[in-house]
Amino acid sequence: MLLRPGKAATSLTPATYWCDGLGGGIFDLAPNAILPFGSASLWRLDLRPMRIFREFRFEAAHSLPDAPPGHKCRRLHGHSFRLVVHVEGPIQPQTGWVMDFADLRKIVDPLIEQLDHHYLNDIEGLRQSTAEVIVVWIWNKLKPALPGLCRL
């Protein structure tokens, strides 16, 4: 993660920082309020929501049976899929993060296992497994366990 100053901080003006490690998130550091964090101290982080993300990959085969006759996608073929899961929420004062990435993996990994190296058309809800249908299917599976889910 790389923090770049956005404007100069004074005792009266919070400094705005651009956070490259969070997909271009912006947050403010208030120089006059310090929050204890373990044995160290941190600038108090603004409680506006921040977005974190993690990339997941899976390999799968499918066909598009409803594609027009003669279309190449009607035939069995495979892809290397890339799924980027974005979660939004406030920075938790106790931990200093929006969500533990290990907890995010515990939620997403079982779903990836359902898809990885499988024939997607055999999975309930993915008979017509276009990219759009796959994303909606994943969203519907993840959202109940991941209330901060904001983008795929």
C-alpha atoms as a PDB file:
ATOM      1  CA  MET A   1       0.000   0.000   0.000  1.00  0.00           C
ATOM      2  CA  LEU A   2       1.322   3.426  -0.895  1.00  0.00           C
ATOM      3  CA  LEU A   3       0.132   6.627   0.779  1.00  0.00           C
ATOM      4  CA  ARG A   4       0.663   9.876  -1.060  1.00  0.00           C
ATOM      5  CA  PRO A   5      -0.113  13.234   0.542  1.00  0.00           C
ATOM      6  CA  GLY A   6      -2.950  15.124  -1.094  1.00  0.00           C
ATOM      7  CA  LYS A   7      -2.487  18.479   0.654  1.00  0.00           C
ATOM      8  CA  ALA A   8      -0.430  19.828   3.497  1.00  0.00           C
ATOM      9  CA  ALA A   9      -1.640  19.110   7.013  1.00  0.00           C
ATOM     10  CA  THR A  10      -1.864  21.794   9.637  1.00  0.00           C
ATOM     11  CA  SER A  11      -3.185  21.632  13.174  1.00  0.00           C
ATOM     12  CA  LEU A  12      -6.500  22.947  11.811  1.00  0.00           C
ATOM     13  CA  THR A  13      -6.763  21.102   8.512  1.00  0.00           C
ATOM     14  CA  PRO A  14      -6.893  17.329   8.087  1.00  0.00           C
ATOM     15  CA  ALA A  15      -4.541  15.900   5.503  1.00  0.00           C
ATOM     16  CA  THR A  16      -6.079  14.046   2.594  1.00  0.00           C
ATOM     17  CA  TYR A  17      -4.191  10.948   1.510  1.00  0.00           C
ATOM     18  CA  TRP A  18      -4.577   8.888  -1.622  1.00  0.00           C
ATOM     19  CA  CYS A  19      -4.265   5.196  -0.900  1.00  0.00           C
ATOM     20  CA  ASP A  20      -3.030   3.249  -3.938  1.00  0.00           C
ATOM     21  CA  GLY A  21      -3.250  -0.100  -2.161  1.00  0.00           C
ATOM     22  CA  LEU A  22      -7.027   0.102  -1.837  1.00  0.00           C
ATOM     23  CA  GLY A  23      -7.893   0.639  -5.454  1.00  0.00           C
ATOM     24  CA  GLY A  24      -7.570   4.402  -5.323  1.00  0.00           C
ATOM     25  CA  GLY A  25      -9.439   5.013  -2.077  1.00  0.00           C
ATOM     26  CA  ILE A  26      -9.225   8.397  -0.434  1.00  0.00           C
ATOM     27  CA  PHE A  27      -9.293   8.980   3.285  1.00  0.00           C
ATOM     28  CA  ASP A  28      -8.482  11.768   5.703  1.00  0.00           C
ATOM     29  CA  LEU A  29      -6.098  11.801   8.628  1.00  0.00           C
ATOM     30  CA  ALA A  30      -7.057  14.278  11.338  1.00  0.00           C
ATOM     31  CA  PRO A  31      -3.773  15.546  12.849  1.00  0.00           C
ATOM     32  CA  ASN A  32      -5.282  16.654  16.144  1.00  0.00           C
ATOM     33  CA  ALA A  33      -6.885  13.360  17.164  1.00  0.00           C
ATOM     34  CA  ILE A  34      -4.826  10.274  17.957  1.00  0.00           C
ATOM     35  CA  LEU A  35      -6.330   6.820  18.342  1.00  0.00           C
ATOM     36  CA  PRO A  36      -4.505   4.146  20.360  1.00  0.00           C
ATOM     37  CA  PHE A  37      -3.630   1.153  18.197  1.00  0.00           C
ATOM     38  CA  GLY A  38      -1.901  -1.657  20.033  1.00  0.00           C
ATOM     39  CA  SER A  39       1.302  -0.275  21.483  1.00  0.00           C
ATOM     40  CA  ALA A  40       1.590   2.413  18.799  1.00  0.00           C
ATOM     41  CA  SER A  41      -0.540   5.433  17.999  1.00  0.00           C
ATOM     42  CA  LEU A  42      -2.264   6.210  14.714  1.00  0.00           C
ATOM     43  CA  TRP A  43      -3.812   9.332  13.354  1.00  0.00           C
ATOM     44  CA  ARG A  44      -7.579   9.059  13.849  1.00  0.00           C
ATOM     45  CA  LEU A  45      -8.996   7.708  10.621  1.00  0.00           C
ATOM     46  CA  ASP A  46     -12.106   9.303   9.221  1.00  0.00           C
ATOM     47  CA  LEU A  47     -15.113   6.955   9.500  1.00  0.00           C
ATOM     48  CA  ARG A  48     -16.192   7.375   5.890  1.00  0.00           C
ATOM     49  CA  PRO A  49     -16.443   4.023   4.157  1.00  0.00           C
ATOM     50  CA  MET A  50     -13.337   2.675   2.471  1.00  0.00           C
ATOM     51  CA  ARG A  51     -13.219  -0.014  -0.170  1.00  0.00           C
ATOM     52  CA  ILE A  52     -10.882  -2.991  -0.095  1.00  0.00           C
ATOM     53  CA  PHE A  53     -10.624  -5.708  -2.703  1.00  0.00           C
ATOM     54  CA  ARG A  54      -9.077  -9.085  -3.311  1.00  0.00           C
ATOM     55  CA  GLU A  55      -8.611 -10.992  -6.538  1.00  0.00           C
ATOM     56  CA  PHE A  56      -9.568 -14.641  -6.933  1.00  0.00           C
ATOM     57  CA  ARG A  57      -9.025 -16.896  -9.948  1.00  0.00           C
ATOM     58  CA  PHE A  58     -10.616 -20.092 -11.178  1.00  0.00           C
ATOM     59  CA  GLU A  59     -10.607 -22.261 -14.280  1.00  0.00           C
ATOM     60  CA  ALA A  60     -13.850 -23.654 -15.655  1.00  0.00           C
ATOM     61  CA  ALA A  61     -15.502 -25.008 -18.780  1.00  0.00           C
ATOM     62  CA  HIS A  62     -18.908 -24.093 -20.156  1.00  0.00           C
ATOM     63  CA  SER A  63     -20.950 -23.763 -23.300  1.00  0.00           C
ATOM     64  CA  LEU A  64     -23.682 -21.316 -24.242  1.00  0.00           C
ATOM     65  CA  PRO A  65     -26.525 -23.524 -25.486  1.00  0.00           C
ATOM     66  CA  ASP A  66     -28.788 -20.557 -26.278  1.00  0.00           C
ATOM     67  CA  ALA A  67     -26.201 -18.780 -28.461  1.00  0.00           C
ATOM     68  CA  PRO A  68     -27.180 -18.516 -32.136  1.00  0.00           C
ATOM     69  CA  PRO A  69     -26.744 -21.680 -34.232  1.00  0.00           C
ATOM     70  CA  GLY A  70     -23.173 -21.991 -35.481  1.00  0.00           C
ATOM     71  CA  HIS A  71     -21.793 -19.600 -32.847  1.00  0.00           C
ATOM     72  CA  LYS A  72     -18.447 -20.853 -31.493  1.00  0.00           C
ATOM     73  CA  CYS A  73     -19.577 -20.397 -27.872  1.00  0.00           C
ATOM     74  CA  ARG A  74     -22.244 -23.109 -28.264  1.00  0.00           C
ATOM     75  CA  ARG A  75     -19.363 -25.592 -28.240  1.00  0.00           C
ATOM     76  CA  LEU A  76     -17.698 -26.743 -25.029  1.00  0.00           C
ATOM     77  CA  HIS A  77     -14.784 -24.459 -24.142  1.00  0.00           C
ATOM     78  CA  GLY A  78     -12.972 -23.171 -21.078  1.00  0.00           C
ATOM     79  CA  HIS A  79     -11.742 -19.946 -19.534  1.00  0.00           C
ATOM     80  CA  SER A  80      -9.407 -18.655 -16.876  1.00  0.00           C
ATOM     81  CA  PHE A  81     -11.723 -16.483 -14.802  1.00  0.00           C
ATOM     82  CA  ARG A  82     -10.633 -13.530 -12.666  1.00  0.00           C
ATOM     83  CA  LEU A  83     -13.004 -12.399  -9.912  1.00  0.00           C
ATOM     84  CA  VAL A  84     -12.306  -9.203  -7.971  1.00  0.00           C
ATOM     85  CA  VAL A  85     -14.397  -8.894  -4.809  1.00  0.00           C
ATOM     86  CA  HIS A  86     -14.800  -5.356  -3.408  1.00  0.00           C
ATOM     87  CA  VAL A  87     -15.959  -4.791   0.177  1.00  0.00           C
ATOM     88  CA  GLU A  88     -16.839  -1.391   1.584  1.00  0.00           C
ATOM     89  CA  GLY A  89     -17.150  -0.289   5.184  1.00  0.00           C
ATOM     90  CA  PRO A  90     -15.711   1.912   7.891  1.00  0.00           C
ATOM     91  CA  ILE A  91     -12.235   1.332   9.252  1.00  0.00           C
ATOM     92  CA  GLN A  92     -12.663  -0.556  12.521  1.00  0.00           C
ATOM     93  CA  PRO A  93     -10.905   1.377  15.309  1.00  0.00           C
ATOM     94  CA  GLN A  94      -9.831  -1.827  17.095  1.00  0.00           C
ATOM     95  CA  THR A  95      -8.086  -3.355  14.090  1.00  0.00           C
ATOM     96  CA  GLY A  96      -7.396  -0.486  11.714  1.00  0.00           C
ATOM     97  CA  TRP A  97      -8.943  -2.382   8.792  1.00  0.00           C
ATOM     98  CA  VAL A  98     -12.297  -2.627   7.046  1.00  0.00           C
ATOM     99  CA  MET A  99     -12.209  -6.429   7.098  1.00  0.00           C
ATOM    100  CA  ASP A 100      -9.608  -9.095   7.695  1.00  0.00           C
ATOM    101  CA  PHE A 101      -8.571 -10.465   4.292  1.00  0.00           C
ATOM    102  CA  ALA A 102      -8.418 -13.948   5.864  1.00  0.00           C
ATOM    103  CA  ASP A 103     -12.137 -13.634   6.713  1.00  0.00           C
ATOM    104  CA  LEU A 104     -12.865 -12.557   3.141  1.00  0.00           C
ATOM    105  CA  ARG A 105     -11.069 -15.677   1.857  1.00  0.00           C
ATOM    106  CA  LYS A 106     -13.078 -17.894   4.248  1.00  0.00           C
ATOM    107  CA  ILE A 107     -16.263 -16.559   2.627  1.00  0.00           C
ATOM    108  CA  VAL A 108     -15.162 -16.573  -1.025  1.00  0.00           C
ATOM    109  CA  ASP A 109     -12.945 -19.683  -1.225  1.00  0.00           C
ATOM    110  CA  PRO A 110     -15.786 -22.238  -0.820  1.00  0.00           C
ATOM    111  CA  LEU A 111     -17.610 -20.588  -3.717  1.00  0.00           C
ATOM    112  CA  ILE A 112     -14.459 -20.645  -5.860  1.00  0.00           C
ATOM    113  CA  GLU A 113     -14.105 -24.362  -5.071  1.00  0.00           C
ATOM    114  CA  GLN A 114     -17.626 -24.926  -6.455  1.00  0.00           C
ATOM    115  CA  LEU A 115     -16.569 -23.326  -9.747  1.00  0.00           C
ATOM    116  CA  ASP A 116     -12.899 -24.235 -10.190  1.00  0.00           C
ATOM    117  CA  HIS A 117     -12.293 -27.007 -12.742  1.00  0.00           C
ATOM    118  CA  HIS A 118     -16.006 -27.712 -13.122  1.00  0.00           C
ATOM    119  CA  TYR A 119     -18.441 -27.612 -16.016  1.00  0.00           C
ATOM    120  CA  LEU A 120     -20.432 -24.490 -15.140  1.00  0.00           C
ATOM    121  CA  ASN A 121     -23.574 -25.555 -17.012  1.00  0.00           C
ATOM    122  CA  ASP A 122     -23.996 -28.419 -14.501  1.00  0.00           C
ATOM    123  CA  ILE A 123     -24.180 -26.006 -11.543  1.00  0.00           C
ATOM    124  CA  GLU A 124     -27.703 -24.997 -10.545  1.00  0.00           C
ATOM    125  CA  GLY A 125     -28.424 -21.497 -11.842  1.00  0.00           C
ATOM    126  CA  LEU A 126     -25.618 -21.520 -14.431  1.00  0.00           C
ATOM    127  CA  ARG A 127     -27.145 -23.442 -17.334  1.00  0.00           C
ATOM    128  CA  GLN A 128     -26.724 -20.313 -19.483  1.00  0.00           C
ATOM    129  CA  SER A 129     -23.335 -19.381 -18.032  1.00  0.00           C
ATOM    130  CA  THR A 130     -22.539 -16.054 -19.663  1.00  0.00           C
ATOM    131  CA  ALA A 131     -20.181 -13.719 -17.792  1.00  0.00           C
ATOM    132  CA  GLU A 132     -23.184 -11.612 -16.765  1.00  0.00           C
ATOM    133  CA  VAL A 133     -25.099 -14.599 -15.384  1.00  0.00           C
ATOM    134  CA  ILE A 134     -22.013 -15.869 -13.537  1.00  0.00           C
ATOM    135  CA  VAL A 135     -21.481 -12.491 -11.845  1.00  0.00           C
ATOM    136  CA  VAL A 136     -25.138 -12.263 -10.731  1.00  0.00           C
ATOM    137  CA  TRP A 137     -24.944 -15.854  -9.453  1.00  0.00           C
ATOM    138  CA  ILE A 138     -21.760 -15.087  -7.470  1.00  0.00           C
ATOM    139  CA  TRP A 139     -23.269 -11.845  -6.084  1.00  0.00           C
ATOM    140  CA  ASN A 140     -26.367 -13.700  -4.861  1.00  0.00           C
ATOM    141  CA  LYS A 141     -24.220 -16.350  -3.172  1.00  0.00           C
ATOM    142  CA  LEU A 142     -21.799 -13.897  -1.495  1.00  0.00           C
ATOM    143  CA  LYS A 143     -24.051 -11.010  -0.434  1.00  0.00           C
ATOM    144  CA  PRO A 144     -25.787 -12.769   2.529  1.00  0.00           C
ATOM    145  CA  ALA A 145     -22.415 -13.608   4.143  1.00  0.00           C
ATOM    146  CA  LEU A 146     -20.696 -10.408   3.040  1.00  0.00           C
ATOM    147  CA  PRO A 147     -22.933  -7.379   3.754  1.00  0.00           C
ATOM    148  CA  GLY A 148     -20.190  -4.933   2.726  1.00  0.00           C
ATOM    149  CA  LEU A 149     -20.004  -6.438  -0.769  1.00  0.00           C
ATOM    150  CA  CYS A 150     -20.219  -3.491  -3.163  1.00  0.00           C
ATOM    151  CA  ARG A 151     -18.681  -4.600  -6.463  1.00  0.00           C
ATOM    152  CA  LEU A 152     -17.597  -7.671  -8.429  1.00  0.00           C
END
